[in-house]
N, C-alpha and C. Protein backbone atom coordinates (compact mmCIF):
# COMPACT_ATOMS: atom_id res chain seq x y z
N UNK A 1 11.66 17.94 -5.31
CA UNK A 1 11.99 17.07 -4.20
C UNK A 1 13.43 16.60 -4.34
N UNK A 2 14.15 16.66 -3.26
CA UNK A 2 15.54 16.20 -3.25
C UNK A 2 15.61 14.70 -3.43
N UNK A 3 16.59 14.26 -4.20
CA UNK A 3 16.75 12.82 -4.40
C UNK A 3 17.21 12.13 -3.12
N UNK A 4 17.68 12.89 -2.13
CA UNK A 4 18.12 12.29 -0.87
C UNK A 4 16.95 12.04 0.07
N UNK A 5 15.86 12.73 -0.11
CA UNK A 5 14.68 12.53 0.72
C UNK A 5 13.72 11.62 -0.02
N UNK A 6 13.49 10.42 0.49
CA UNK A 6 12.59 9.52 -0.24
C UNK A 6 11.14 9.99 -0.18
N UNK A 7 10.42 9.70 -1.22
CA UNK A 7 8.97 9.88 -1.25
C UNK A 7 8.41 8.67 -0.52
N UNK A 8 7.58 8.91 0.48
CA UNK A 8 7.13 7.82 1.35
C UNK A 8 5.67 7.46 1.09
N UNK A 9 5.45 6.17 0.80
CA UNK A 9 4.12 5.66 0.46
C UNK A 9 3.72 4.58 1.47
N UNK A 10 2.47 4.65 1.93
CA UNK A 10 1.94 3.65 2.85
C UNK A 10 0.73 2.98 2.21
N UNK A 11 0.78 1.66 2.06
CA UNK A 11 -0.32 0.87 1.51
C UNK A 11 -1.16 0.35 2.67
N UNK A 12 -2.48 0.53 2.59
CA UNK A 12 -3.34 0.21 3.74
C UNK A 12 -4.54 -0.64 3.34
N UNK A 13 -4.73 -1.76 4.07
CA UNK A 13 -5.94 -2.57 3.94
C UNK A 13 -6.54 -2.72 5.34
N UNK A 14 -7.35 -3.72 5.56
CA UNK A 14 -8.00 -3.89 6.85
C UNK A 14 -7.06 -4.46 7.91
N UNK A 15 -6.48 -5.63 7.66
CA UNK A 15 -5.69 -6.30 8.69
C UNK A 15 -4.19 -6.27 8.49
N UNK A 16 -3.73 -5.81 7.33
CA UNK A 16 -2.31 -5.73 7.00
C UNK A 16 -1.63 -7.10 6.98
N UNK A 17 -2.38 -8.13 6.47
CA UNK A 17 -1.76 -9.45 6.35
C UNK A 17 -1.95 -10.05 4.96
N UNK A 18 -2.76 -9.44 4.10
CA UNK A 18 -2.97 -9.99 2.75
C UNK A 18 -2.67 -8.93 1.68
N UNK A 19 -3.58 -7.98 1.53
CA UNK A 19 -3.48 -7.04 0.41
C UNK A 19 -2.37 -6.00 0.58
N UNK A 20 -2.35 -5.29 1.70
CA UNK A 20 -1.38 -4.20 1.82
C UNK A 20 0.07 -4.67 1.88
N UNK A 21 0.41 -5.80 2.53
CA UNK A 21 1.81 -6.23 2.44
C UNK A 21 2.19 -6.66 1.02
N UNK A 22 1.24 -7.26 0.30
CA UNK A 22 1.49 -7.62 -1.09
C UNK A 22 1.72 -6.36 -1.91
N UNK A 23 0.87 -5.37 -1.72
CA UNK A 23 1.03 -4.09 -2.44
C UNK A 23 2.35 -3.43 -2.08
N UNK A 24 2.74 -3.48 -0.81
CA UNK A 24 4.00 -2.89 -0.38
C UNK A 24 5.19 -3.48 -1.13
N UNK A 25 5.27 -4.78 -1.16
CA UNK A 25 6.42 -5.45 -1.78
C UNK A 25 6.43 -5.24 -3.30
N UNK A 26 5.26 -5.32 -3.91
CA UNK A 26 5.20 -5.16 -5.37
C UNK A 26 5.49 -3.72 -5.77
N UNK A 27 4.91 -2.75 -5.07
CA UNK A 27 5.20 -1.35 -5.38
C UNK A 27 6.67 -1.03 -5.16
N UNK A 28 7.24 -1.54 -4.09
CA UNK A 28 8.68 -1.34 -3.83
C UNK A 28 9.51 -1.94 -4.96
N UNK A 29 9.14 -3.13 -5.40
CA UNK A 29 9.86 -3.80 -6.48
C UNK A 29 9.90 -2.92 -7.74
N UNK A 30 8.75 -2.41 -8.16
CA UNK A 30 8.70 -1.61 -9.38
C UNK A 30 9.39 -0.26 -9.21
N UNK A 31 9.31 0.33 -8.02
CA UNK A 31 10.02 1.59 -7.77
C UNK A 31 11.53 1.37 -7.81
N UNK A 32 11.99 0.29 -7.19
CA UNK A 32 13.41 -0.04 -7.20
C UNK A 32 13.89 -0.33 -8.62
N UNK A 33 13.07 -1.05 -9.37
CA UNK A 33 13.41 -1.38 -10.75
C UNK A 33 13.63 -0.12 -11.59
N UNK A 34 12.87 0.92 -11.30
CA UNK A 34 12.99 2.20 -12.02
C UNK A 34 13.96 3.17 -11.33
N UNK A 35 14.60 2.69 -10.26
CA UNK A 35 15.55 3.49 -9.48
C UNK A 35 14.92 4.77 -8.95
N UNK A 36 13.67 4.66 -8.51
CA UNK A 36 12.98 5.79 -7.91
C UNK A 36 13.27 5.82 -6.41
N UNK A 37 13.43 7.02 -5.89
CA UNK A 37 13.70 7.18 -4.47
C UNK A 37 12.37 7.18 -3.70
N UNK A 38 11.81 5.98 -3.57
CA UNK A 38 10.52 5.80 -2.92
C UNK A 38 10.67 4.75 -1.82
N UNK A 39 10.19 5.08 -0.64
CA UNK A 39 10.15 4.16 0.49
C UNK A 39 8.70 3.71 0.63
N UNK A 40 8.46 2.40 0.71
CA UNK A 40 7.10 1.86 0.78
C UNK A 40 6.94 1.04 2.06
N UNK A 41 5.81 1.24 2.72
CA UNK A 41 5.47 0.50 3.94
C UNK A 41 4.00 0.10 3.83
N UNK A 42 3.50 -0.61 4.83
CA UNK A 42 2.08 -0.97 4.83
C UNK A 42 1.55 -0.99 6.25
N UNK A 43 0.21 -0.90 6.35
CA UNK A 43 -0.48 -0.91 7.64
C UNK A 43 -1.91 -1.36 7.41
N UNK A 44 -2.63 -1.56 8.51
CA UNK A 44 -4.04 -1.91 8.44
C UNK A 44 -4.87 -0.92 9.22
N UNK A 45 -6.11 -0.76 8.81
CA UNK A 45 -7.00 0.15 9.56
C UNK A 45 -7.42 -0.49 10.88
N UNK A 46 -7.38 -1.81 10.96
CA UNK A 46 -7.72 -2.50 12.21
C UNK A 46 -6.44 -2.91 12.93
N UNK A 47 -6.62 -3.38 14.13
CA UNK A 47 -5.51 -3.91 14.91
C UNK A 47 -5.72 -5.40 15.17
N UNK A 48 -6.21 -6.10 14.14
CA UNK A 48 -6.54 -7.52 14.27
C UNK A 48 -5.30 -8.41 14.39
N UNK A 49 -4.21 -8.03 13.77
CA UNK A 49 -3.04 -8.92 13.67
C UNK A 49 -1.74 -8.21 14.04
N UNK A 50 -1.65 -7.55 15.18
CA UNK A 50 -0.42 -6.79 15.47
C UNK A 50 0.82 -7.67 15.48
N UNK A 51 1.82 -7.21 14.75
CA UNK A 51 3.13 -7.87 14.66
C UNK A 51 3.10 -9.27 14.04
N UNK A 52 2.02 -9.62 13.38
CA UNK A 52 1.92 -10.92 12.71
C UNK A 52 2.51 -10.84 11.31
N UNK A 53 3.06 -11.95 10.86
CA UNK A 53 3.56 -12.06 9.48
C UNK A 53 2.36 -12.08 8.53
N UNK A 54 2.57 -11.75 7.27
CA UNK A 54 1.48 -11.86 6.30
C UNK A 54 0.91 -13.28 6.26
N UNK A 55 -0.35 -13.36 5.89
CA UNK A 55 -1.06 -14.63 5.74
C UNK A 55 -0.19 -15.59 4.91
N UNK A 56 -0.11 -16.84 5.34
CA UNK A 56 0.75 -17.80 4.64
C UNK A 56 0.35 -17.98 3.18
N UNK A 57 -0.95 -17.87 2.89
CA UNK A 57 -1.40 -17.99 1.50
C UNK A 57 -0.90 -16.80 0.67
N UNK A 58 -0.93 -15.61 1.25
CA UNK A 58 -0.38 -14.43 0.55
C UNK A 58 1.10 -14.64 0.28
N UNK A 59 1.81 -15.13 1.28
CA UNK A 59 3.24 -15.36 1.12
C UNK A 59 3.52 -16.40 0.04
N UNK A 60 2.77 -17.49 0.05
CA UNK A 60 2.99 -18.56 -0.94
C UNK A 60 2.74 -18.09 -2.36
N UNK A 61 1.62 -17.41 -2.58
CA UNK A 61 1.29 -16.94 -3.93
C UNK A 61 2.28 -15.87 -4.39
N UNK A 62 2.66 -14.97 -3.48
CA UNK A 62 3.62 -13.92 -3.84
C UNK A 62 4.98 -14.53 -4.18
N UNK A 63 5.42 -15.50 -3.40
CA UNK A 63 6.73 -16.11 -3.63
C UNK A 63 6.78 -16.83 -4.98
N UNK A 64 5.67 -17.42 -5.40
CA UNK A 64 5.63 -18.05 -6.72
C UNK A 64 5.87 -17.05 -7.83
N UNK A 65 5.60 -15.77 -7.56
CA UNK A 65 5.81 -14.71 -8.56
C UNK A 65 7.09 -13.92 -8.30
N UNK A 66 7.85 -14.35 -7.31
CA UNK A 66 9.14 -13.71 -7.03
C UNK A 66 9.10 -12.60 -5.99
N UNK A 67 8.03 -12.51 -5.23
CA UNK A 67 7.91 -11.48 -4.19
C UNK A 67 7.96 -12.13 -2.81
N UNK A 68 8.88 -11.67 -1.98
CA UNK A 68 9.06 -12.24 -0.64
C UNK A 68 8.43 -11.32 0.41
N UNK A 69 7.39 -11.81 1.07
CA UNK A 69 6.68 -11.04 2.10
C UNK A 69 7.11 -11.43 3.51
N UNK A 70 7.98 -12.41 3.64
CA UNK A 70 8.25 -13.05 4.93
C UNK A 70 8.77 -12.13 6.02
N UNK A 71 9.46 -11.07 5.67
CA UNK A 71 10.03 -10.19 6.70
C UNK A 71 9.05 -9.14 7.22
N UNK A 72 7.90 -9.01 6.60
CA UNK A 72 6.94 -7.98 6.98
C UNK A 72 6.15 -8.38 8.23
N UNK A 73 5.72 -7.37 8.99
CA UNK A 73 4.89 -7.58 10.17
C UNK A 73 3.77 -6.55 10.18
N UNK A 74 2.59 -7.00 10.57
CA UNK A 74 1.41 -6.15 10.55
C UNK A 74 1.48 -5.07 11.63
N UNK A 75 0.91 -3.93 11.27
CA UNK A 75 0.75 -2.84 12.24
C UNK A 75 -0.50 -2.06 11.87
N UNK A 76 -0.96 -1.27 12.80
CA UNK A 76 -2.16 -0.47 12.58
C UNK A 76 -1.80 0.93 12.14
N UNK A 77 -2.61 1.48 11.25
CA UNK A 77 -2.49 2.87 10.81
C UNK A 77 -2.65 3.79 12.01
N UNK A 78 -1.80 4.82 12.08
CA UNK A 78 -1.82 5.77 13.19
C UNK A 78 -1.97 7.19 12.64
N UNK A 79 -2.42 8.10 13.46
CA UNK A 79 -2.54 9.50 13.03
C UNK A 79 -1.17 10.05 12.62
N UNK A 80 -0.12 9.62 13.26
CA UNK A 80 1.22 10.10 12.94
C UNK A 80 1.62 9.77 11.51
N UNK A 81 1.03 8.70 10.94
CA UNK A 81 1.35 8.33 9.56
C UNK A 81 0.99 9.44 8.57
N UNK A 82 0.04 10.27 8.91
CA UNK A 82 -0.38 11.35 8.01
C UNK A 82 0.63 12.49 7.94
N UNK A 83 1.54 12.54 8.90
CA UNK A 83 2.62 13.53 8.82
C UNK A 83 3.94 12.88 8.43
N UNK A 84 3.99 11.57 8.50
CA UNK A 84 5.20 10.82 8.17
C UNK A 84 5.29 10.45 6.68
N UNK A 85 4.13 10.19 6.05
CA UNK A 85 4.08 9.71 4.68
C UNK A 85 3.58 10.78 3.72
N UNK A 86 4.00 10.65 2.45
CA UNK A 86 3.55 11.57 1.40
C UNK A 86 2.24 11.09 0.77
N UNK A 87 2.05 9.78 0.71
CA UNK A 87 0.90 9.20 0.04
C UNK A 87 0.44 7.96 0.80
N UNK A 88 -0.86 7.89 1.08
CA UNK A 88 -1.45 6.73 1.71
C UNK A 88 -2.43 6.13 0.72
N UNK A 89 -2.20 4.87 0.36
CA UNK A 89 -3.00 4.18 -0.64
C UNK A 89 -3.93 3.16 0.00
N UNK A 90 -5.24 3.36 -0.20
CA UNK A 90 -6.26 2.45 0.33
C UNK A 90 -6.49 1.33 -0.67
N UNK A 91 -6.65 0.12 -0.16
CA UNK A 91 -6.87 -1.03 -1.02
C UNK A 91 -8.32 -1.15 -1.49
N UNK A 92 -9.26 -0.54 -0.74
CA UNK A 92 -10.67 -0.59 -1.15
C UNK A 92 -11.40 0.63 -0.60
N UNK A 93 -12.68 0.74 -0.96
CA UNK A 93 -13.46 1.92 -0.60
C UNK A 93 -13.80 1.97 0.89
N UNK A 94 -14.04 0.83 1.53
CA UNK A 94 -14.31 0.83 2.97
C UNK A 94 -13.09 1.31 3.75
N UNK A 95 -11.93 0.79 3.38
CA UNK A 95 -10.71 1.25 4.06
C UNK A 95 -10.40 2.70 3.73
N UNK A 96 -10.74 3.13 2.52
CA UNK A 96 -10.57 4.54 2.17
C UNK A 96 -11.39 5.41 3.11
N UNK A 97 -12.63 5.03 3.37
CA UNK A 97 -13.49 5.79 4.28
C UNK A 97 -12.88 5.82 5.69
N UNK A 98 -12.36 4.69 6.15
CA UNK A 98 -11.73 4.64 7.48
C UNK A 98 -10.47 5.50 7.52
N UNK A 99 -9.70 5.47 6.46
CA UNK A 99 -8.48 6.29 6.39
C UNK A 99 -8.84 7.77 6.41
N UNK A 100 -9.86 8.15 5.66
CA UNK A 100 -10.27 9.56 5.62
C UNK A 100 -10.78 10.02 6.98
N UNK A 101 -11.46 9.15 7.71
CA UNK A 101 -11.92 9.49 9.06
C UNK A 101 -10.72 9.71 9.99
N UNK A 102 -9.72 8.83 9.89
CA UNK A 102 -8.52 8.99 10.72
C UNK A 102 -7.73 10.22 10.28
N UNK A 103 -7.77 10.53 8.98
CA UNK A 103 -7.11 11.73 8.48
C UNK A 103 -7.72 12.98 9.12
N UNK A 104 -9.05 13.00 9.26
CA UNK A 104 -9.71 14.14 9.90
C UNK A 104 -9.26 14.27 11.36
N UNK A 105 -9.11 13.14 12.03
CA UNK A 105 -8.61 13.15 13.41
C UNK A 105 -7.17 13.67 13.44
N UNK A 106 -6.35 13.21 12.51
CA UNK A 106 -4.96 13.66 12.44
C UNK A 106 -4.89 15.17 12.17
N UNK A 107 -5.77 15.67 11.34
CA UNK A 107 -5.81 17.11 11.03
C UNK A 107 -6.11 17.90 12.30
N UNK A 108 -7.05 17.40 13.10
CA UNK A 108 -7.35 18.08 14.38
C UNK A 108 -6.16 18.00 15.33
N UNK A 109 -5.46 16.88 15.29
CA UNK A 109 -4.34 16.66 16.20
C UNK A 109 -3.09 17.45 15.80
N UNK A 110 -2.78 17.47 14.51
CA UNK A 110 -1.51 18.05 14.05
C UNK A 110 -1.65 19.34 13.25
N UNK A 111 -2.84 19.63 12.75
CA UNK A 111 -2.99 20.79 11.86
C UNK A 111 -2.65 20.40 10.45
N UNK A 112 -1.51 20.86 9.96
CA UNK A 112 -1.10 20.56 8.58
C UNK A 112 -0.63 19.11 8.46
N UNK A 113 -1.12 18.43 7.43
CA UNK A 113 -0.73 17.04 7.18
C UNK A 113 0.09 16.94 5.90
N UNK A 114 0.96 15.98 5.85
CA UNK A 114 1.82 15.75 4.69
C UNK A 114 1.15 14.82 3.66
N UNK A 115 0.43 13.81 4.13
CA UNK A 115 -0.05 12.74 3.27
C UNK A 115 -1.28 13.10 2.45
N UNK A 116 -1.21 12.71 1.19
CA UNK A 116 -2.41 12.67 0.35
C UNK A 116 -2.95 11.25 0.47
N UNK A 117 -4.24 11.08 0.21
CA UNK A 117 -4.88 9.77 0.30
C UNK A 117 -5.53 9.46 -1.04
N UNK A 118 -5.37 8.21 -1.49
CA UNK A 118 -5.96 7.78 -2.77
C UNK A 118 -6.19 6.28 -2.73
N UNK A 119 -6.95 5.80 -3.69
CA UNK A 119 -7.11 4.36 -3.88
C UNK A 119 -5.86 3.80 -4.55
N UNK A 120 -5.51 2.59 -4.22
CA UNK A 120 -4.39 1.92 -4.88
C UNK A 120 -4.60 1.92 -6.39
N UNK A 121 -5.85 1.72 -6.82
CA UNK A 121 -6.17 1.61 -8.25
C UNK A 121 -6.54 2.95 -8.89
N UNK A 122 -6.23 4.04 -8.23
CA UNK A 122 -6.62 5.39 -8.69
C UNK A 122 -6.27 5.66 -10.16
N UNK A 123 -5.09 5.25 -10.59
CA UNK A 123 -4.62 5.55 -11.94
C UNK A 123 -4.49 4.30 -12.82
N UNK A 124 -5.01 3.18 -12.34
CA UNK A 124 -4.86 1.90 -13.01
C UNK A 124 -5.87 1.76 -14.15
N UNK A 125 -5.38 1.65 -15.38
CA UNK A 125 -6.29 1.54 -16.53
C UNK A 125 -6.93 0.15 -16.63
N UNK A 126 -6.30 -0.88 -16.05
CA UNK A 126 -6.88 -2.22 -16.07
C UNK A 126 -7.95 -2.42 -14.99
N UNK A 127 -7.77 -1.75 -13.85
CA UNK A 127 -8.71 -1.85 -12.72
C UNK A 127 -9.06 -0.44 -12.24
N UNK A 128 -9.66 0.39 -13.09
CA UNK A 128 -9.85 1.80 -12.75
C UNK A 128 -10.71 2.02 -11.51
N UNK A 129 -10.05 2.54 -10.46
CA UNK A 129 -10.70 2.89 -9.19
C UNK A 129 -11.49 1.73 -8.61
N UNK A 130 -11.05 0.50 -8.92
CA UNK A 130 -11.72 -0.68 -8.38
C UNK A 130 -11.12 -1.07 -7.03
N UNK A 131 -11.97 -1.59 -6.17
CA UNK A 131 -11.49 -2.13 -4.91
C UNK A 131 -10.62 -3.34 -5.18
N UNK A 132 -9.63 -3.51 -4.36
CA UNK A 132 -8.79 -4.70 -4.39
C UNK A 132 -9.48 -5.70 -3.45
N UNK A 133 -10.13 -6.74 -3.99
CA UNK A 133 -10.93 -7.64 -3.15
C UNK A 133 -10.09 -8.36 -2.10
N UNK A 134 -10.65 -8.46 -0.90
CA UNK A 134 -9.97 -9.15 0.19
C UNK A 134 -10.03 -10.66 -0.05
N UNK A 135 -8.87 -11.33 -0.17
CA UNK A 135 -8.86 -12.76 -0.47
C UNK A 135 -8.95 -13.65 0.76
N UNK A 136 -9.01 -13.06 1.94
CA UNK A 136 -8.86 -13.81 3.20
C UNK A 136 -9.79 -15.01 3.31
N UNK A 137 -11.07 -14.85 2.97
CA UNK A 137 -12.03 -15.94 3.13
C UNK A 137 -12.25 -16.72 1.84
N UNK A 138 -11.45 -16.47 0.83
CA UNK A 138 -11.62 -17.13 -0.46
C UNK A 138 -10.52 -18.13 -0.75
N UNK A 139 -10.43 -18.49 -2.00
CA UNK A 139 -9.45 -19.48 -2.43
C UNK A 139 -8.26 -18.86 -3.14
N UNK A 140 -7.53 -19.70 -3.83
CA UNK A 140 -6.29 -19.32 -4.51
C UNK A 140 -6.51 -18.20 -5.53
N UNK A 141 -7.63 -18.24 -6.23
CA UNK A 141 -7.88 -17.23 -7.27
C UNK A 141 -7.89 -15.82 -6.69
N UNK A 142 -8.37 -15.67 -5.47
CA UNK A 142 -8.38 -14.35 -4.83
C UNK A 142 -6.99 -13.81 -4.57
N UNK A 143 -6.10 -14.68 -4.15
CA UNK A 143 -4.72 -14.27 -3.89
C UNK A 143 -4.00 -13.93 -5.20
N UNK A 144 -4.29 -14.68 -6.23
CA UNK A 144 -3.71 -14.37 -7.55
C UNK A 144 -4.23 -13.03 -8.07
N UNK A 145 -5.52 -12.78 -7.86
CA UNK A 145 -6.11 -11.50 -8.28
C UNK A 145 -5.44 -10.34 -7.55
N UNK A 146 -5.17 -10.51 -6.26
CA UNK A 146 -4.49 -9.46 -5.50
C UNK A 146 -3.14 -9.14 -6.15
N UNK A 147 -2.39 -10.15 -6.48
CA UNK A 147 -1.08 -9.93 -7.09
C UNK A 147 -1.23 -9.27 -8.46
N UNK A 148 -2.15 -9.77 -9.28
CA UNK A 148 -2.38 -9.17 -10.60
C UNK A 148 -2.72 -7.69 -10.48
N UNK A 149 -3.66 -7.38 -9.59
CA UNK A 149 -4.09 -5.99 -9.47
C UNK A 149 -3.01 -5.13 -8.83
N UNK A 150 -2.28 -5.66 -7.87
CA UNK A 150 -1.18 -4.90 -7.26
C UNK A 150 -0.10 -4.59 -8.29
N UNK A 151 0.19 -5.55 -9.16
CA UNK A 151 1.18 -5.29 -10.22
C UNK A 151 0.69 -4.19 -11.15
N UNK A 152 -0.54 -4.29 -11.59
CA UNK A 152 -1.09 -3.31 -12.52
C UNK A 152 -1.17 -1.92 -11.89
N UNK A 153 -1.68 -1.85 -10.67
CA UNK A 153 -1.80 -0.55 -9.99
C UNK A 153 -0.43 0.03 -9.66
N UNK A 154 0.51 -0.83 -9.26
CA UNK A 154 1.86 -0.35 -8.95
C UNK A 154 2.53 0.25 -10.17
N UNK A 155 2.39 -0.41 -11.31
CA UNK A 155 2.96 0.13 -12.55
C UNK A 155 2.36 1.50 -12.88
N UNK A 156 1.07 1.66 -12.63
CA UNK A 156 0.42 2.96 -12.87
C UNK A 156 0.99 4.02 -11.92
N UNK A 157 1.17 3.67 -10.65
CA UNK A 157 1.75 4.64 -9.71
C UNK A 157 3.18 4.98 -10.07
N UNK A 158 3.94 3.99 -10.51
CA UNK A 158 5.33 4.26 -10.89
C UNK A 158 5.39 5.32 -11.99
N UNK A 159 4.48 5.26 -12.93
CA UNK A 159 4.44 6.29 -13.99
C UNK A 159 4.15 7.67 -13.39
N UNK A 160 3.27 7.73 -12.41
CA UNK A 160 2.98 9.00 -11.72
C UNK A 160 4.24 9.45 -10.97
N UNK A 161 4.86 8.54 -10.24
CA UNK A 161 6.06 8.89 -9.47
C UNK A 161 7.19 9.38 -10.38
N UNK A 162 7.33 8.78 -11.54
CA UNK A 162 8.40 9.19 -12.45
C UNK A 162 8.24 10.65 -12.87
N UNK A 163 7.03 11.13 -12.90
CA UNK A 163 6.78 12.54 -13.23
C UNK A 163 7.09 13.46 -12.06
N UNK A 164 6.98 12.94 -10.83
CA UNK A 164 7.10 13.77 -9.64
C UNK A 164 8.40 13.64 -8.87
N UNK A 165 9.04 12.49 -8.99
CA UNK A 165 10.15 12.17 -8.09
C UNK A 165 11.45 12.03 -8.86
N UNK A 166 12.47 12.59 -8.29
CA UNK A 166 13.79 12.42 -8.88
C UNK A 166 14.28 11.00 -8.62
N UNK A 167 15.05 10.49 -9.54
CA UNK A 167 15.63 9.15 -9.34
C UNK A 167 16.74 9.23 -8.30
N UNK A 168 17.08 8.05 -7.79
CA UNK A 168 18.12 7.95 -6.76
C UNK A 168 19.44 8.46 -7.29
């Protein structure tokens, strides 16, 4: 892969206001820290919060750890994302199933697809193939867990990317 063409990753949860924007910013942080040519975005399988900023609780907890989510806006996963991105990361098994269903639709629509699909925690030794729990209806501990797991899973993906992607 050319170092001029970024490897494109899309993090996906249900509403794109808690887990996937957190994963986007944290994964981008670790990729940038390693000078990897990776572009990271996020989306939701639903269209519950179009163009909305991340949940204020997600923003507050992330900011306490040095991650700024304030510029992000929610959007829905589209079939075009399967030809635009190299990797689509699901935050949990339900969203993984929804992503795979949309992938089948994209395959019928476009034929050959670019994106591979995996769980965010696919290679995470601390949270092996575990769902990233949705903190929306819970308390502070849920938002902290999201950040902890996003950090751990992102570090695992960075190790995978370092094997596959040329640095900037």
